[in-house]
Amino acid sequence: MHQHTLIEKLFALNISPQLVCMMGSFLSDRQIYAKVNGISSALPRVHASVPQGVVLSPTLLNVMTNGLQLDNYHVIKYADDVTVVKSA
């Protein structure tokens, strides 16, 4: 999920600028890492997506995918998951 597009969509929904700025701050400058057998990976910055396991993330996904329409496809959304099925 492209974060700048999400911020634009939130503004388009007339969400208060202060709240949109808070969400932008929440999404920006994040780092991720993995730890396997006590060994940690590097800490790359994340420029897309939303944090997993956060209550707000499914709502942000719904904002991002709201109005998603694809010709000859059926879009199925549930919580934080989207499935696209080709129509016959």
PDB file of N, CA and C in Angstrom:
ATOM      1  N   MET A   1       0.843  -1.163   0.000  1.00  0.00           N
ATOM      2  CA  MET A   1       0.000   0.000   0.000  1.00  0.00           C
ATOM      3  C   MET A   1       0.895   1.235   0.000  1.00  0.00           C
ATOM      4  N   HIS A   2       0.744   2.067  -0.995  1.00  0.00           N
ATOM      5  CA  HIS A   2       1.543   3.283  -1.113  1.00  0.00           C
ATOM      6  C   HIS A   2       1.041   4.315  -0.102  1.00  0.00           C
ATOM      7  N   GLN A   3       1.904   4.740   0.803  1.00  0.00           N
ATOM      8  CA  GLN A   3       1.497   5.609   1.916  1.00  0.00           C
ATOM      9  C   GLN A   3       1.023   6.985   1.452  1.00  0.00           C
ATOM     10  N   HIS A   4       1.662   7.558   0.427  1.00  0.00           N
ATOM     11  CA  HIS A   4       1.243   8.883  -0.036  1.00  0.00           C
ATOM     12  C   HIS A   4      -0.158   8.834  -0.638  1.00  0.00           C
ATOM     13  N   THR A   5      -0.468   7.758  -1.356  1.00  0.00           N
ATOM     14  CA  THR A   5      -1.805   7.601  -1.923  1.00  0.00           C
ATOM     15  C   THR A   5      -2.839   7.471  -0.814  1.00  0.00           C
ATOM     16  N   LEU A   6      -2.501   6.732   0.228  1.00  0.00           N
ATOM     17  CA  LEU A   6      -3.407   6.585   1.363  1.00  0.00           C
ATOM     18  C   LEU A   6      -3.678   7.933   2.024  1.00  0.00           C
ATOM     19  N   ILE A   7      -2.649   8.733   2.220  1.00  0.00           N
ATOM     20  CA  ILE A   7      -2.814  10.055   2.837  1.00  0.00           C
ATOM     21  C   ILE A   7      -3.719  10.927   1.965  1.00  0.00           C
ATOM     22  N   GLU A   8      -3.531  10.886   0.653  1.00  0.00           N
ATOM     23  CA  GLU A   8      -4.378  11.654  -0.264  1.00  0.00           C
ATOM     24  C   GLU A   8      -5.834  11.214  -0.163  1.00  0.00           C
ATOM     25  N   LYS A   9      -6.059   9.900  -0.060  1.00  0.00           N
ATOM     26  CA  LYS A   9      -7.427   9.390   0.064  1.00  0.00           C
ATOM     27  C   LYS A   9      -8.064   9.838   1.381  1.00  0.00           C
ATOM     28  N   LEU A  10      -7.289   9.872   2.456  1.00  0.00           N
ATOM     29  CA  LEU A  10      -7.819  10.327   3.741  1.00  0.00           C
ATOM     30  C   LEU A  10      -8.220  11.792   3.666  1.00  0.00           C
ATOM     31  N   PHE A  11      -7.391  12.613   3.029  1.00  0.00           N
ATOM     32  CA  PHE A  11      -7.756  14.020   2.838  1.00  0.00           C
ATOM     33  C   PHE A  11      -9.021  14.140   1.994  1.00  0.00           C
ATOM     34  N   ALA A  12      -9.139  13.311   0.940  1.00  0.00           N
ATOM     35  CA  ALA A  12     -10.309  13.345   0.063  1.00  0.00           C
ATOM     36  C   ALA A  12     -11.591  12.962   0.810  1.00  0.00           C
ATOM     37  N   LEU A  13     -11.458  12.189   1.879  1.00  0.00           N
ATOM     38  CA  LEU A  13     -12.613  11.795   2.689  1.00  0.00           C
ATOM     39  C   LEU A  13     -12.966  12.846   3.745  1.00  0.00           C
ATOM     40  N   ASN A  14     -12.288  13.996   3.676  1.00  0.00           N
ATOM     41  CA  ASN A  14     -12.511  15.103   4.619  1.00  0.00           C
ATOM     42  C   ASN A  14     -12.199  14.741   6.061  1.00  0.00           C
ATOM     43  N   ILE A  15     -11.226  13.856   6.243  1.00  0.00           N
ATOM     44  CA  ILE A  15     -10.720  13.569   7.583  1.00  0.00           C
ATOM     45  C   ILE A  15      -9.963  14.812   8.040  1.00  0.00           C
ATOM     46  N   SER A  16     -10.035  15.134   9.310  1.00  0.00           N
ATOM     47  CA  SER A  16      -9.381  16.355   9.792  1.00  0.00           C
ATOM     48  C   SER A  16      -7.882  16.312   9.480  1.00  0.00           C
ATOM     49  N   PRO A  17      -7.322  17.442   9.046  1.00  0.00           N
ATOM     50  CA  PRO A  17      -5.895  17.485   8.709  1.00  0.00           C
ATOM     51  C   PRO A  17      -4.994  17.034   9.861  1.00  0.00           C
ATOM     52  N   GLN A  18      -5.383  17.341  11.091  1.00  0.00           N
ATOM     53  CA  GLN A  18      -4.568  16.928  12.239  1.00  0.00           C
ATOM     54  C   GLN A  18      -4.523  15.410  12.356  1.00  0.00           C
ATOM     55  N   LEU A  19      -5.667  14.767  12.160  1.00  0.00           N
ATOM     56  CA  LEU A  19      -5.725  13.307  12.240  1.00  0.00           C
ATOM     57  C   LEU A  19      -4.949  12.664  11.090  1.00  0.00           C
ATOM     58  N   VAL A  20      -5.075  13.233   9.891  1.00  0.00           N
ATOM     59  CA  VAL A  20      -4.340  12.705   8.741  1.00  0.00           C
ATOM     60  C   VAL A  20      -2.835  12.831   8.983  1.00  0.00           C
ATOM     61  N   CYS A  21      -2.401  13.953   9.542  1.00  0.00           N
ATOM     62  CA  CYS A  21      -0.981  14.136   9.850  1.00  0.00           C
ATOM     63  C   CYS A  21      -0.509  13.123  10.896  1.00  0.00           C
ATOM     64  N   MET A  22      -1.358  12.843  11.888  1.00  0.00           N
ATOM     65  CA  MET A  22      -1.002  11.829  12.884  1.00  0.00           C
ATOM     66  C   MET A  22      -0.844  10.463  12.229  1.00  0.00           C
ATOM     67  N   MET A  23      -1.767  10.123  11.325  1.00  0.00           N
ATOM     68  CA  MET A  23      -1.677   8.832  10.639  1.00  0.00           C
ATOM     69  C   MET A  23      -0.448   8.785   9.738  1.00  0.00           C
ATOM     70  N   GLY A  24      -0.137   9.905   9.088  1.00  0.00           N
ATOM     71  CA  GLY A  24       1.061   9.962   8.264  1.00  0.00           C
ATOM     72  C   GLY A  24       2.310   9.739   9.093  1.00  0.00           C
ATOM     73  N   SER A  25       2.344  10.331  10.279  1.00  0.00           N
ATOM     74  CA  SER A  25       3.478  10.138  11.181  1.00  0.00           C
ATOM     75  C   SER A  25       3.559   8.689  11.646  1.00  0.00           C
ATOM     76  N   PHE A  26       2.406   8.090  11.909  1.00  0.00           N
ATOM     77  CA  PHE A  26       2.324   6.689  12.330  1.00  0.00           C
ATOM     78  C   PHE A  26       2.906   5.759  11.264  1.00  0.00           C
ATOM     79  N   LEU A  27       2.694   6.111   9.972  1.00  0.00           N
ATOM     80  CA  LEU A  27       3.120   5.250   8.870  1.00  0.00           C
ATOM     81  C   LEU A  27       4.541   5.512   8.395  1.00  0.00           C
ATOM     82  N   SER A  28       5.085   6.679   8.685  1.00  0.00           N
ATOM     83  CA  SER A  28       6.383   7.043   8.109  1.00  0.00           C
ATOM     84  C   SER A  28       7.551   6.627   8.998  1.00  0.00           C
ATOM     85  N   ASP A  29       8.699   6.519   8.372  1.00  0.00           N
ATOM     86  CA  ASP A  29       9.959   6.209   9.067  1.00  0.00           C
ATOM     87  C   ASP A  29       9.895   4.943   9.919  1.00  0.00           C
ATOM     88  N   ARG A  30       9.183   3.924   9.429  1.00  0.00           N
ATOM     89  CA  ARG A  30       9.134   2.654  10.148  1.00  0.00           C
ATOM     90  C   ARG A  30      10.262   1.758   9.681  1.00  0.00           C
ATOM     91  N   GLN A  31      10.724   0.916  10.571  1.00  0.00           N
ATOM     92  CA  GLN A  31      11.735  -0.078  10.238  1.00  0.00           C
ATOM     93  C   GLN A  31      11.222  -1.451  10.659  1.00  0.00           C
ATOM     94  N   ILE A  32      11.670  -2.465   9.953  1.00  0.00           N
ATOM     95  CA  ILE A  32      11.287  -3.839  10.296  1.00  0.00           C
ATOM     96  C   ILE A  32      12.539  -4.696  10.410  1.00  0.00           C
ATOM     97  N   TYR A  33      12.391  -5.795  11.117  1.00  0.00           N
ATOM     98  CA  TYR A  33      13.478  -6.763  11.172  1.00  0.00           C
ATOM     99  C   TYR A  33      12.903  -8.126  11.505  1.00  0.00           C
ATOM    100  N   ALA A  34      13.686  -9.132  11.242  1.00  0.00           N
ATOM    101  CA  ALA A  34      13.318 -10.501  11.587  1.00  0.00           C
ATOM    102  C   ALA A  34      14.393 -11.060  12.502  1.00  0.00           C
ATOM    103  N   LYS A  35      13.982 -11.948  13.383  1.00  0.00           N
ATOM    104  CA  LYS A  35      14.929 -12.589  14.285  1.00  0.00           C
ATOM    105  C   LYS A  35      14.689 -14.096  14.215  1.00  0.00           C
ATOM    106  N   VAL A  36      15.732 -14.827  13.811  1.00  0.00           N
ATOM    107  CA  VAL A  36      15.645 -16.277  13.678  1.00  0.00           C
ATOM    108  C   VAL A  36      16.829 -16.885  14.414  1.00  0.00           C
ATOM    109  N   ASN A  37      16.524 -17.794  15.331  1.00  0.00           N
ATOM    110  CA  ASN A  37      17.567 -18.465  16.119  1.00  0.00           C
ATOM    111  C   ASN A  37      18.514 -17.472  16.787  1.00  0.00           C
ATOM    112  N   GLY A  38      17.942 -16.375  17.281  1.00  0.00           N
ATOM    113  CA  GLY A  38      18.729 -15.379  17.996  1.00  0.00           C
ATOM    114  C   GLY A  38      19.518 -14.431  17.116  1.00  0.00           C
ATOM    115  N   ILE A  39      19.413 -14.573  15.809  1.00  0.00           N
ATOM    116  CA  ILE A  39      20.132 -13.692  14.886  1.00  0.00           C
ATOM    117  C   ILE A  39      19.143 -12.722  14.258  1.00  0.00           C
ATOM    118  N   SER A  40      19.421 -11.418  14.399  1.00  0.00           N
ATOM    119  CA  SER A  40      18.544 -10.377  13.871  1.00  0.00           C
ATOM    120  C   SER A  40      19.024  -9.901  12.505  1.00  0.00           C
ATOM    121  N   SER A  41      18.054  -9.581  11.666  1.00  0.00           N
ATOM    122  CA  SER A  41      18.369  -9.050  10.337  1.00  0.00           C
ATOM    123  C   SER A  41      18.710  -7.566  10.447  1.00  0.00           C
ATOM    124  N   ALA A  42      19.020  -6.969   9.318  1.00  0.00           N
ATOM    125  CA  ALA A  42      19.232  -5.521   9.261  1.00  0.00           C
ATOM    126  C   ALA A  42      17.897  -4.816   9.506  1.00  0.00           C
ATOM    127  N   LEU A  43      17.919  -3.500   9.615  1.00  0.00           N
ATOM    128  CA  LEU A  43      16.713  -2.708   9.869  1.00  0.00           C
ATOM    129  C   LEU A  43      16.383  -1.813   8.671  1.00  0.00           C
ATOM    130  N   PRO A  44      15.841  -2.392   7.591  1.00  0.00           N
ATOM    131  CA  PRO A  44      15.484  -1.547   6.446  1.00  0.00           C
ATOM    132  C   PRO A  44      14.256  -0.693   6.747  1.00  0.00           C
ATOM    133  N   ARG A  45      14.180   0.452   6.113  1.00  0.00           N
ATOM    134  CA  ARG A  45      13.003   1.319   6.240  1.00  0.00           C
ATOM    135  C   ARG A  45      11.883   0.777   5.356  1.00  0.00           C
ATOM    136  N   VAL A  46      10.651   0.926   5.820  1.00  0.00           N
ATOM    137  CA  VAL A  46       9.472   0.470   5.094  1.00  0.00           C
ATOM    138  C   VAL A  46       8.792   1.696   4.489  1.00  0.00           C
ATOM    139  N   HIS A  47       8.606   1.678   3.172  1.00  0.00           N
ATOM    140  CA  HIS A  47       7.997   2.820   2.485  1.00  0.00           C
ATOM    141  C   HIS A  47       6.605   2.498   1.966  1.00  0.00           C
ATOM    142  N   ALA A  48       6.116   1.320   2.235  1.00  0.00           N
ATOM    143  CA  ALA A  48       4.792   0.914   1.791  1.00  0.00           C
ATOM    144  C   ALA A  48       4.185   0.032   2.873  1.00  0.00           C
ATOM    145  N   SER A  49       2.900  -0.239   2.734  1.00  0.00           N
ATOM    146  CA  SER A  49       2.199  -1.119   3.657  1.00  0.00           C
ATOM    147  C   SER A  49       1.845  -0.408   4.956  1.00  0.00           C
ATOM    148  N   VAL A  50       1.113  -1.105   5.787  1.00  0.00           N
ATOM    149  CA  VAL A  50       0.755  -0.626   7.122  1.00  0.00           C
ATOM    150  C   VAL A  50       1.211  -1.679   8.121  1.00  0.00           C
ATOM    151  N   PRO A  51       1.449  -1.286   9.360  1.00  0.00           N
ATOM    152  CA  PRO A  51       1.928  -2.262  10.352  1.00  0.00           C
ATOM    153  C   PRO A  51       0.917  -3.394  10.573  1.00  0.00           C
ATOM    154  N   GLN A  52       1.412  -4.610  10.678  1.00  0.00           N
ATOM    155  CA  GLN A  52       0.552  -5.748  10.972  1.00  0.00           C
ATOM    156  C   GLN A  52       0.263  -5.794  12.464  1.00  0.00           C
ATOM    157  N   GLY A  53      -0.924  -6.281  12.815  1.00  0.00           N
ATOM    158  CA  GLY A  53      -1.276  -6.447  14.217  1.00  0.00           C
ATOM    159  C   GLY A  53      -1.742  -5.173  14.888  1.00  0.00           C
ATOM    160  N   VAL A  54      -1.984  -4.126  14.119  1.00  0.00           N
ATOM    161  CA  VAL A  54      -2.443  -2.855  14.667  1.00  0.00           C
ATOM    162  C   VAL A  54      -3.921  -2.704  14.335  1.00  0.00           C
ATOM    163  N   VAL A  55      -4.734  -2.312  15.294  1.00  0.00           N
ATOM    164  CA  VAL A  55      -6.179  -2.220  15.111  1.00  0.00           C
ATOM    165  C   VAL A  55      -6.549  -1.295  13.952  1.00  0.00           C
ATOM    166  N   LEU A  56      -5.791  -0.255  13.722  1.00  0.00           N
ATOM    167  CA  LEU A  56      -6.081   0.725  12.680  1.00  0.00           C
ATOM    168  C   LEU A  56      -5.807   0.199  11.270  1.00  0.00           C
ATOM    169  N   SER A  57      -4.945  -0.786  11.117  1.00  0.00           N
ATOM    170  CA  SER A  57      -4.514  -1.242   9.793  1.00  0.00           C
ATOM    171  C   SER A  57      -5.653  -1.748   8.910  1.00  0.00           C
ATOM    172  N   PRO A  58      -6.595  -2.575   9.381  1.00  0.00           N
ATOM    173  CA  PRO A  58      -7.693  -2.997   8.502  1.00  0.00           C
ATOM    174  C   PRO A  58      -8.536  -1.824   8.007  1.00  0.00           C
ATOM    175  N   THR A  59      -8.727  -0.824   8.860  1.00  0.00           N
ATOM    176  CA  THR A  59      -9.494   0.352   8.438  1.00  0.00           C
ATOM    177  C   THR A  59      -8.752   1.107   7.346  1.00  0.00           C
ATOM    178  N   LEU A  60      -7.445   1.256   7.495  1.00  0.00           N
ATOM    179  CA  LEU A  60      -6.655   1.943   6.472  1.00  0.00           C
ATOM    180  C   LEU A  60      -6.672   1.160   5.162  1.00  0.00           C
ATOM    181  N   LEU A  61      -6.642  -0.165   5.229  1.00  0.00           N
ATOM    182  CA  LEU A  61      -6.746  -0.978   4.015  1.00  0.00           C
ATOM    183  C   LEU A  61      -8.096  -0.755   3.344  1.00  0.00           C
ATOM    184  N   ASN A  62      -9.170  -0.685   4.130  1.00  0.00           N
ATOM    185  CA  ASN A  62     -10.493  -0.446   3.567  1.00  0.00           C
ATOM    186  C   ASN A  62     -10.569   0.919   2.892  1.00  0.00           C
ATOM    187  N   VAL A  63      -9.935   1.929   3.484  1.00  0.00           N
ATOM    188  CA  VAL A  63      -9.889   3.249   2.855  1.00  0.00           C
ATOM    189  C   VAL A  63      -9.157   3.150   1.516  1.00  0.00           C
ATOM    190  N   MET A  64      -8.052   2.444   1.509  1.00  0.00           N
ATOM    191  CA  MET A  64      -7.233   2.332   0.300  1.00  0.00           C
ATOM    192  C   MET A  64      -7.956   1.576  -0.805  1.00  0.00           C
ATOM    193  N   THR A  65      -8.702   0.546  -0.475  1.00  0.00           N
ATOM    194  CA  THR A  65      -9.350  -0.290  -1.489  1.00  0.00           C
ATOM    195  C   THR A  65     -10.790   0.114  -1.754  1.00  0.00           C
ATOM    196  N   ASN A  66     -11.288   1.118  -1.055  1.00  0.00           N
ATOM    197  CA  ASN A  66     -12.661   1.587  -1.268  1.00  0.00           C
ATOM    198  C   ASN A  66     -12.815   2.039  -2.724  1.00  0.00           C
ATOM    199  N   GLY A  67     -13.826   1.527  -3.383  1.00  0.00           N
ATOM    200  CA  GLY A  67     -14.071   1.903  -4.770  1.00  0.00           C
ATOM    201  C   GLY A  67     -13.236   1.137  -5.773  1.00  0.00           C
ATOM    202  N   LEU A  68     -12.464   0.156  -5.318  1.00  0.00           N
ATOM    203  CA  LEU A  68     -11.644  -0.640  -6.228  1.00  0.00           C
ATOM    204  C   LEU A  68     -12.558  -1.448  -7.141  1.00  0.00           C
ATOM    205  N   GLN A  69     -12.463  -1.195  -8.427  1.00  0.00           N
ATOM    206  CA  GLN A  69     -13.259  -1.926  -9.405  1.00  0.00           C
ATOM    207  C   GLN A  69     -12.357  -2.345 -10.549  1.00  0.00           C
ATOM    208  N   LEU A  70     -12.471  -3.579 -10.937  1.00  0.00           N
ATOM    209  CA  LEU A  70     -11.685  -4.111 -12.043  1.00  0.00           C
ATOM    210  C   LEU A  70     -12.638  -4.812 -13.006  1.00  0.00           C
ATOM    211  N   ASP A  71     -12.550  -4.472 -14.285  1.00  0.00           N
ATOM    212  CA  ASP A  71     -13.399  -5.117 -15.284  1.00  0.00           C
ATOM    213  C   ASP A  71     -13.140  -6.617 -15.315  1.00  0.00           C
ATOM    214  N   ASN A  72     -14.213  -7.403 -15.361  1.00  0.00           N
ATOM    215  CA  ASN A  72     -14.162  -8.867 -15.449  1.00  0.00           C
ATOM    216  C   ASN A  72     -13.572  -9.527 -14.205  1.00  0.00           C
ATOM    217  N   TYR A  73     -13.535  -8.806 -13.088  1.00  0.00           N
ATOM    218  CA  TYR A  73     -13.025  -9.367 -11.841  1.00  0.00           C
ATOM    219  C   TYR A  73     -14.001  -9.063 -10.719  1.00  0.00           C
ATOM    220  N   HIS A  74     -14.026  -9.929  -9.733  1.00  0.00           N
ATOM    221  CA  HIS A  74     -14.848  -9.719  -8.543  1.00  0.00           C
ATOM    222  C   HIS A  74     -13.895  -9.494  -7.371  1.00  0.00           C
ATOM    223  N   VAL A  75     -14.069  -8.382  -6.663  1.00  0.00           N
ATOM    224  CA  VAL A  75     -13.186  -8.045  -5.553  1.00  0.00           C
ATOM    225  C   VAL A  75     -13.882  -8.408  -4.241  1.00  0.00           C
ATOM    226  N   ILE A  76     -13.228  -9.256  -3.443  1.00  0.00           N
ATOM    227  CA  ILE A  76     -13.774  -9.694  -2.158  1.00  0.00           C
ATOM    228  C   ILE A  76     -12.864  -9.160  -1.063  1.00  0.00           C
ATOM    229  N   LYS A  77     -13.451  -8.406  -0.122  1.00  0.00           N
ATOM    230  CA  LYS A  77     -12.659  -7.833   0.963  1.00  0.00           C
ATOM    231  C   LYS A  77     -13.183  -8.349   2.300  1.00  0.00           C
ATOM    232  N   TYR A  78     -12.265  -8.674   3.189  1.00  0.00           N
ATOM    233  CA  TYR A  78     -12.616  -9.058   4.553  1.00  0.00           C
ATOM    234  C   TYR A  78     -11.499  -8.589   5.473  1.00  0.00           C
ATOM    235  N   ALA A  79     -11.829  -7.727   6.416  1.00  0.00           N
ATOM    236  CA  ALA A  79     -10.868  -7.181   7.388  1.00  0.00           C
ATOM    237  C   ALA A  79      -9.644  -6.634   6.675  1.00  0.00           C
ATOM    238  N   ASP A  80      -8.523  -7.315   6.801  1.00  0.00           N
ATOM    239  CA  ASP A  80      -7.294  -6.801   6.179  1.00  0.00           C
ATOM    240  C   ASP A  80      -6.823  -7.682   5.032  1.00  0.00           C
ATOM    241  N   ASP A  81      -7.793  -8.262   4.308  1.00  0.00           N
ATOM    242  CA  ASP A  81      -7.457  -9.149   3.215  1.00  0.00           C
ATOM    243  C   ASP A  81      -8.305  -8.794   1.994  1.00  0.00           C
ATOM    244  N   VAL A  82      -7.710  -8.867   0.822  1.00  0.00           N
ATOM    245  CA  VAL A  82      -8.430  -8.622  -0.431  1.00  0.00           C
ATOM    246  C   VAL A  82      -8.139  -9.782  -1.370  1.00  0.00           C
ATOM    247  N   THR A  83      -9.193 -10.318  -1.981  1.00  0.00           N
ATOM    248  CA  THR A  83      -9.048 -11.372  -2.970  1.00  0.00           C
ATOM    249  C   THR A  83      -9.683 -10.888  -4.265  1.00  0.00           C
ATOM    250  N   VAL A  84      -8.996 -11.082  -5.359  1.00  0.00           N
ATOM    251  CA  VAL A  84      -9.523 -10.708  -6.674  1.00  0.00           C
ATOM    252  C   VAL A  84      -9.748 -11.992  -7.457  1.00  0.00           C
ATOM    253  N   VAL A  85     -11.014 -12.180  -7.909  1.00  0.00           N
ATOM    254  CA  VAL A  85     -11.392 -13.405  -8.615  1.00  0.00           C
ATOM    255  C   VAL A  85     -11.824 -13.025 -10.027  1.00  0.00           C
ATOM    256  N   LYS A  86     -11.259 -13.684 -11.027  1.00  0.00           N
ATOM    257  CA  LYS A  86     -11.619 -13.404 -12.419  1.00  0.00           C
ATOM    258  C   LYS A  86     -12.994 -13.971 -12.718  1.00  0.00           C
ATOM    259  N   SER A  87     -13.832 -13.144 -13.320  1.00  0.00           N
ATOM    260  CA  SER A  87     -15.168 -13.572 -13.712  1.00  0.00           C
ATOM    261  C   SER A  87     -15.096 -14.353 -15.021  1.00  0.00           C
ATOM    262  N   ALA A  88     -16.085 -15.217 -15.209  1.00  0.00           N
ATOM    263  CA  ALA A  88     -16.109 -16.025 -16.446  1.00  0.00           C
ATOM    264  C   ALA A  88     -16.587 -15.201 -17.624  1.00  0.00           C
TER     265      ALA A  88
END
